[in-house]
Protein backbone atom coordinates (compact mmCIF):
# COMPACT_ATOMS: atom_id res chain seq x y z
CA MET A 1 0.00 0.00 0.00
CA ASN A 2 1.06 3.58 -0.63
CA SER A 3 1.26 6.06 2.26
CA PRO A 4 -1.92 6.31 4.39
CA LYS A 5 -4.45 8.88 3.20
CA ASN A 6 -7.03 11.13 4.83
CA ILE A 7 -10.26 9.94 3.22
CA LEU A 8 -13.88 11.12 3.37
CA VAL A 9 -16.59 8.59 2.49
CA ILE A 10 -19.91 10.27 1.72
CA GLY A 11 -22.79 7.86 2.28
CA SER A 12 -20.82 5.83 4.81
CA LYS A 13 -23.94 4.17 6.27
CA GLY A 14 -25.05 2.69 2.94
CA PHE A 15 -24.23 -0.69 1.44
CA ILE A 16 -21.09 0.24 -0.49
CA GLY A 17 -20.07 3.08 1.82
CA SER A 18 -20.12 0.99 5.00
CA HIS A 19 -18.04 -1.80 3.45
CA LEU A 20 -15.63 0.75 1.99
CA LEU A 21 -15.19 2.56 5.32
CA HIS A 22 -14.36 -0.71 7.09
CA TYR A 23 -11.99 -1.84 4.33
CA LEU A 24 -10.06 1.45 4.13
CA LYS A 25 -9.66 1.64 7.90
CA GLY A 26 -8.27 -1.88 7.83
CA LYS A 27 -5.68 -0.77 5.27
CA GLY A 28 -4.36 1.90 7.64
CA HIS A 29 -6.01 4.98 6.16
CA LYS A 30 -7.57 7.69 8.33
CA VAL A 31 -11.20 7.53 7.25
CA TYR A 32 -14.05 9.93 7.97
CA GLY A 33 -17.67 9.01 7.34
CA ALA A 34 -20.59 11.25 6.43
CA ASP A 35 -24.27 10.41 6.12
CA VAL A 36 -27.78 11.51 7.04
CA MET A 37 -28.13 9.02 9.92
CA VAL A 38 -27.39 10.12 13.48
CA ASP A 39 -24.47 8.25 15.06
CA TYR A 40 -23.35 9.27 18.55
CA THR A 41 -20.57 6.69 18.83
CA ALA A 42 -18.71 6.79 15.49
CA GLU A 43 -15.33 8.49 15.48
CA HIS A 44 -14.62 10.95 12.65
CA TYR A 45 -18.23 11.20 11.49
CA PHE A 46 -20.17 14.10 9.93
CA LEU A 47 -23.95 14.30 10.09
CA ILE A 48 -25.39 15.64 6.83
CA ASP A 49 -28.65 17.58 6.71
CA PRO A 50 -30.64 15.78 3.99
CA GLY A 51 -32.66 18.91 3.28
CA ASN A 52 -29.68 21.23 2.95
CA ALA A 53 -26.48 19.35 2.19
CA GLY A 54 -23.98 22.14 1.65
CA PHE A 55 -20.72 20.37 2.60
CA GLN A 56 -18.78 23.64 2.97
CA GLU A 57 -18.20 23.27 6.70
CA ILE A 58 -16.66 19.82 6.28
CA PHE A 59 -14.08 21.01 3.77
CA GLN A 60 -13.46 24.31 5.55
CA ASP A 61 -12.31 22.48 8.65
CA HIS A 62 -10.56 19.42 7.15
CA GLN A 63 -8.26 18.60 4.26
CA PHE A 64 -8.71 15.25 2.52
CA ASP A 65 -6.60 13.37 -0.01
CA TRP A 66 -9.63 11.49 -1.35
CA CYS A 67 -13.38 12.08 -1.20
CA ILE A 68 -15.43 9.07 -2.33
CA ASN A 69 -19.10 9.73 -3.01
CA CYS A 70 -21.11 6.59 -2.19
CA SER A 71 -24.29 8.56 -1.49
CA GLY A 72 -27.42 8.93 -3.57
CA ALA A 73 -30.55 7.04 -4.52
CA ALA A 74 -30.13 3.63 -6.13
CA SER A 75 -33.57 2.58 -7.32
CA VAL A 76 -34.74 2.68 -10.93
CA PRO A 77 -38.44 2.29 -10.01
CA ASP A 78 -38.18 5.06 -7.41
CA SER A 79 -36.52 7.37 -9.95
CA ILE A 80 -39.54 6.94 -12.20
CA LYS A 81 -41.99 7.60 -9.34
CA ASN A 82 -40.07 10.56 -7.94
CA PRO A 83 -37.56 11.94 -10.47
CA SER A 84 -37.02 15.22 -8.60
CA ARG A 85 -35.81 13.38 -5.48
CA ASP A 86 -33.54 11.19 -7.58
CA PHE A 87 -32.09 14.25 -9.34
CA GLU A 88 -31.44 15.97 -6.01
CA LEU A 89 -29.60 12.97 -4.53
CA ASN A 90 -27.73 11.72 -7.60
CA THR A 91 -26.95 14.93 -9.47
CA ASN A 92 -27.40 18.08 -7.43
CA ASN A 93 -25.49 16.77 -4.42
CA VAL A 94 -22.52 15.94 -6.64
CA PHE A 95 -22.40 19.58 -7.73
CA ARG A 96 -22.61 20.76 -4.10
CA LEU A 97 -19.81 18.41 -3.07
CA LEU A 98 -17.52 19.48 -5.89
CA ASN A 99 -18.22 23.15 -5.36
CA ALA A 100 -17.19 22.84 -1.71
CA ILE A 101 -14.05 20.95 -2.76
CA ARG A 102 -13.27 23.63 -5.37
CA GLU A 103 -13.48 26.33 -2.70
CA TYR A 104 -11.62 24.68 0.18
CA ASN A 105 -9.81 21.48 -0.84
CA SER A 106 -9.11 21.72 -4.57
CA LYS A 107 -6.37 19.06 -4.62
CA CYS A 108 -8.66 16.40 -3.14
CA ARG A 109 -9.29 13.48 -5.49
CA PHE A 110 -13.06 13.11 -5.93
CA LEU A 111 -14.37 9.68 -6.92
CA ASN A 112 -18.03 9.62 -7.88
CA LEU A 113 -19.80 6.26 -7.81
CA SER A 114 -21.86 6.24 -10.99
CA SER A 115 -23.72 3.38 -12.62
CA ALA A 116 -23.87 1.20 -15.72
CA ALA A 117 -27.41 2.58 -16.04
CA VAL A 118 -25.88 5.45 -18.06
CA TYR A 119 -25.55 3.03 -21.00
CA GLY A 120 -29.16 1.84 -21.11
CA ASN A 121 -29.57 -0.95 -23.64
CA PRO A 122 -26.15 -1.01 -25.33
CA ALA A 123 -25.90 -1.38 -29.11
CA GLY A 124 -23.02 -3.83 -28.72
CA LEU A 125 -21.26 -5.92 -26.10
CA PRO A 126 -19.05 -5.72 -24.16
CA VAL A 127 -19.89 -2.16 -23.14
CA LYS A 128 -16.92 0.19 -23.44
CA GLU A 129 -16.54 3.51 -21.68
CA ASP A 130 -16.94 5.35 -24.98
CA SER A 131 -20.08 3.42 -25.97
CA HIS A 132 -23.23 5.29 -26.93
CA PHE A 133 -25.28 6.53 -23.97
CA HIS A 134 -29.01 5.90 -24.02
CA PRO A 135 -30.33 5.68 -20.43
CA VAL A 136 -33.71 4.01 -20.07
CA SER A 137 -34.58 5.55 -16.67
CA PRO A 138 -34.35 8.89 -14.85
CA TYR A 139 -31.79 7.21 -12.58
CA GLY A 140 -29.56 6.52 -15.59
CA TYR A 141 -29.85 10.09 -16.83
CA HIS A 142 -29.11 11.57 -13.42
CA LYS A 143 -26.01 9.42 -12.99
CA TYR A 144 -24.87 10.53 -16.44
CA PHE A 145 -25.42 14.18 -15.47
CA SER A 146 -23.30 13.63 -12.35
CA GLU A 147 -20.47 12.34 -14.54
CA LYS A 148 -20.64 15.46 -16.71
CA ILE A 149 -20.47 17.61 -13.56
CA CYS A 150 -17.29 15.76 -12.56
CA GLU A 151 -15.90 16.43 -16.03
CA GLU A 152 -16.89 20.10 -15.71
CA PHE A 153 -15.05 20.60 -12.42
CA PHE A 154 -11.88 19.03 -13.79
CA THR A 155 -12.03 20.96 -17.08
CA PHE A 156 -12.74 24.41 -15.67
CA PHE A 157 -11.43 24.26 -12.09
CA ALA A 158 -8.71 21.56 -12.21
CA VAL A 159 -10.41 19.54 -9.45
CA PRO A 160 -9.22 15.93 -9.90
CA THR A 161 -12.34 13.85 -10.59
CA CYS A 162 -13.22 10.37 -11.77
CA SER A 163 -16.50 8.44 -12.07
CA LEU A 164 -16.81 4.71 -11.52
CA ARG A 165 -19.63 3.07 -13.49
CA ILE A 166 -20.65 0.21 -11.25
CA PHE A 167 -22.47 -2.69 -12.84
CA SER A 168 -24.36 -5.18 -10.60
CA ALA A 169 -22.82 -5.00 -7.11
CA TYR A 170 -24.00 -7.42 -4.43
CA GLY A 171 -22.93 -8.81 -1.06
CA GLU A 172 -23.51 -8.88 2.68
CA GLY A 173 -25.64 -6.04 3.97
CA LEU A 174 -27.54 -5.40 0.73
CA GLN A 175 -31.26 -5.37 1.49
CA LYS A 176 -32.67 -4.67 -1.96
CA GLN A 177 -32.30 -5.70 -5.59
CA LEU A 178 -32.22 -9.17 -7.13
CA PHE A 179 -30.74 -11.52 -4.53
CA TRP A 180 -32.42 -9.86 -1.55
CA ASP A 181 -35.78 -10.14 -3.35
CA LEU A 182 -35.06 -13.77 -4.18
CA HIS A 183 -34.35 -14.51 -0.53
CA LYS A 184 -37.56 -12.85 0.63
CA LYS A 185 -39.52 -14.92 -1.89
CA ALA A 186 -37.69 -18.13 -0.97
CA ILE A 187 -38.50 -17.97 2.73
CA SER A 188 -42.21 -17.71 1.94
CA LYS A 189 -41.95 -21.25 0.46
CA GLU A 190 -44.69 -20.43 -2.04
CA VAL A 191 -44.58 -20.70 -5.84
CA PHE A 192 -43.82 -17.28 -7.33
CA THR A 193 -43.18 -15.51 -10.62
CA LEU A 194 -40.10 -13.45 -11.44
CA PHE A 195 -39.86 -10.52 -13.83
CA GLY A 196 -38.43 -11.08 -17.30
CA THR A 197 -37.57 -14.20 -19.24
CA GLY A 198 -34.44 -15.20 -17.34
CA MET A 199 -32.35 -14.61 -20.45
CA GLU A 200 -31.57 -11.03 -19.42
CA THR A 201 -27.92 -10.69 -18.44
CA ARG A 202 -25.86 -8.77 -15.90
CA ASP A 203 -22.19 -8.36 -15.01
CA PHE A 204 -21.95 -9.00 -11.26
CA ILE A 205 -19.25 -7.70 -8.93
CA TYR A 206 -18.97 -8.81 -5.30
CA ILE A 207 -18.65 -6.09 -2.67
CA GLN A 208 -15.19 -7.16 -1.48
CA ASP A 209 -13.88 -6.96 -5.03
CA LEU A 210 -15.54 -3.58 -5.47
CA VAL A 211 -13.99 -1.93 -2.41
CA ARG A 212 -10.54 -3.14 -3.44
CA LEU A 213 -11.17 -1.71 -6.89
CA ILE A 214 -12.24 1.65 -5.44
CA GLU A 215 -8.97 1.93 -3.52
CA LEU A 216 -7.03 0.94 -6.63
CA VAL A 217 -8.77 3.58 -8.75
CA CYS A 218 -8.14 6.27 -6.13
CA GLU A 219 -4.45 5.38 -6.09
CA LYS A 220 -3.78 4.87 -9.80
CA ALA A 221 -6.39 6.45 -12.09
CA SER A 222 -5.57 9.74 -13.81
CA PHE A 223 -8.51 11.72 -12.31
CA GLN A 224 -8.95 13.91 -15.36
CA GLY A 225 -12.74 13.78 -15.45
CA GLU A 226 -12.83 10.26 -16.91
CA ALA A 227 -15.37 7.49 -16.28
CA ILE A 228 -14.33 3.86 -15.76
CA ASN A 229 -16.31 0.62 -15.78
CA ALA A 230 -16.46 -1.37 -12.52
CA ALA A 231 -17.38 -5.00 -13.22
CA ASN A 232 -15.80 -8.41 -13.83
CA GLY A 233 -16.32 -8.74 -17.57
CA TYR A 234 -18.60 -11.83 -17.40
CA GLU A 235 -22.09 -11.89 -18.89
CA ILE A 236 -24.31 -14.00 -16.63
CA SER A 237 -27.97 -14.68 -17.31
CA ILE A 238 -30.50 -13.94 -14.60
CA ALA A 239 -31.70 -17.54 -14.88
CA ASP A 240 -28.20 -18.83 -14.09
CA ALA A 241 -27.77 -16.33 -11.26
CA VAL A 242 -31.08 -17.36 -9.70
CA SER A 243 -30.24 -21.06 -10.05
CA THR A 244 -26.81 -20.54 -8.44
CA PHE A 245 -28.26 -18.60 -5.53
CA TYR A 246 -31.09 -21.03 -4.85
CA GLY A 247 -28.62 -23.91 -4.95
CA PHE A 248 -27.53 -22.93 -1.42
CA TYR A 249 -30.99 -23.41 0.09
CA PRO A 250 -31.72 -26.73 1.82
CA TYR A 251 -35.10 -27.10 0.13
CA LYS A 252 -36.44 -26.86 -3.41
CA ILE A 253 -37.77 -23.45 -4.43
CA ALA A 254 -40.51 -23.34 -7.07
CA TYR A 255 -40.49 -20.32 -9.37
CA ARG A 256 -40.97 -19.32 -12.98
CA PHE A 257 -40.21 -16.32 -15.19
CA GLY A 258 -43.32 -14.45 -16.27
CA GLY A 259 -41.80 -12.72 -19.29
CA ASP A 260 -42.85 -9.22 -18.19
CA VAL A 261 -40.22 -6.52 -18.64
CA ARG A 262 -40.00 -3.90 -15.88
CA GLN A 263 -39.76 -0.29 -17.06
CA GLY A 264 -36.20 1.03 -16.87
CA ASP A 265 -34.49 -2.38 -16.85
CA PRO A 266 -31.94 -2.98 -19.63
CA THR A 267 -31.85 -6.36 -21.37
CA ARG A 268 -28.17 -7.31 -21.57
CA TRP A 269 -25.05 -6.02 -19.86
CA VAL A 270 -21.43 -7.03 -19.78
CA ALA A 271 -18.56 -4.60 -19.35
CA ASP A 272 -15.29 -4.12 -21.13
CA ILE A 273 -12.92 -3.94 -18.15
CA SER A 274 -9.71 -3.15 -20.01
CA GLU A 275 -9.24 0.10 -18.08
CA ILE A 276 -9.35 -1.42 -14.61
CA LYS A 277 -7.13 -4.29 -15.75
CA LYS A 278 -4.54 -1.67 -16.73
CA LEU A 279 -4.70 -0.40 -13.15
CA GLY A 280 -4.02 -3.91 -11.88
CA TYR A 281 -7.52 -5.13 -11.00
CA LYS A 282 -8.21 -8.85 -10.81
CA SER A 283 -11.31 -10.39 -9.26
CA GLN A 284 -10.85 -12.55 -6.15
CA PHE A 285 -14.44 -13.86 -6.01
CA ASN A 286 -16.56 -15.57 -8.65
CA LEU A 287 -20.36 -15.37 -8.47
CA LYS A 288 -20.78 -18.66 -6.62
CA GLU A 289 -18.27 -17.67 -3.94
CA GLY A 290 -19.79 -14.24 -3.45
CA LEU A 291 -23.33 -15.59 -3.31
CA SER A 292 -22.28 -18.23 -0.81
CA ASN A 293 -21.06 -15.46 1.51
CA TYR A 294 -24.24 -13.47 0.96
CA TYR A 295 -26.44 -16.52 1.62
CA HIS A 296 -24.67 -17.24 4.90
CA TRP A 297 -25.04 -13.60 5.95
CA LEU A 298 -28.75 -13.76 5.18
CA THR A 299 -29.30 -16.93 7.18
CA ASN A 300 -27.03 -16.18 10.14
CA THR A 301 -28.02 -12.63 11.08
CA ASN A 302 -31.12 -10.84 12.22
CA GLN A 303 -32.37 -10.97 8.65
CA ARG A 304 -33.61 -14.50 9.27
CA GLU A 305 -37.38 -14.74 9.40
């Protein structure tokens, strides 16, 4: 590891942010968290006002080497129901963060966690960083806008910025999205129907691989307003992912795919990961290994029902 850094993790109580905070502390960095949840016991923690997140006071009083933005909304359906809230959390807050950094901590490396949703339904696979953008949800558009804001602050104000386009992240602590929903359905022990045909594909990345990648990007990427894919470069069908996950359960689970397509969901995804390979990234967990860890977390914590 390079010399320890002073790091600020925005959204430190969320799925990715909480894992990242723990990982970076374990690597010897001095890590500060920031989120909207009250925490009277956490050391080096900033409480953010969700109605007026200005961020100036944080950067006035502290100097950081890295600021990693793990905050924001992460629900395609919710972005369709409430696009103004999604814009505020995923786009406007990025501008506020960068403006505070520009004023008080302009050398701080700012990593913005974006999403593969910026691509929409890609014209070709694997998806490269310079592929055509055609988001199919407000969430995808707002993440794309946040990337352009990062590019703006590098271009005009020389703030070092980078966006990480995360594909399908999963792991312990995640209480939404595909595998969480599958678990909730499985414990009901009733026959159920899943969205889609099962032939839709995703490029999954386990949380422990992702946090290592985030540190690697912060250390080695150029931070010139670029965006980089964060995935493993494997196209896996939803049917295979479901089958793998349900293979850990001690009883047979009856389900079928209904064929309905949910608004805002792309059909096929797999990333070109040439850029992160150049930085030295190599996955340590395949899907079966990551899902095994997630399954054991689900069945050995308070999530058990």
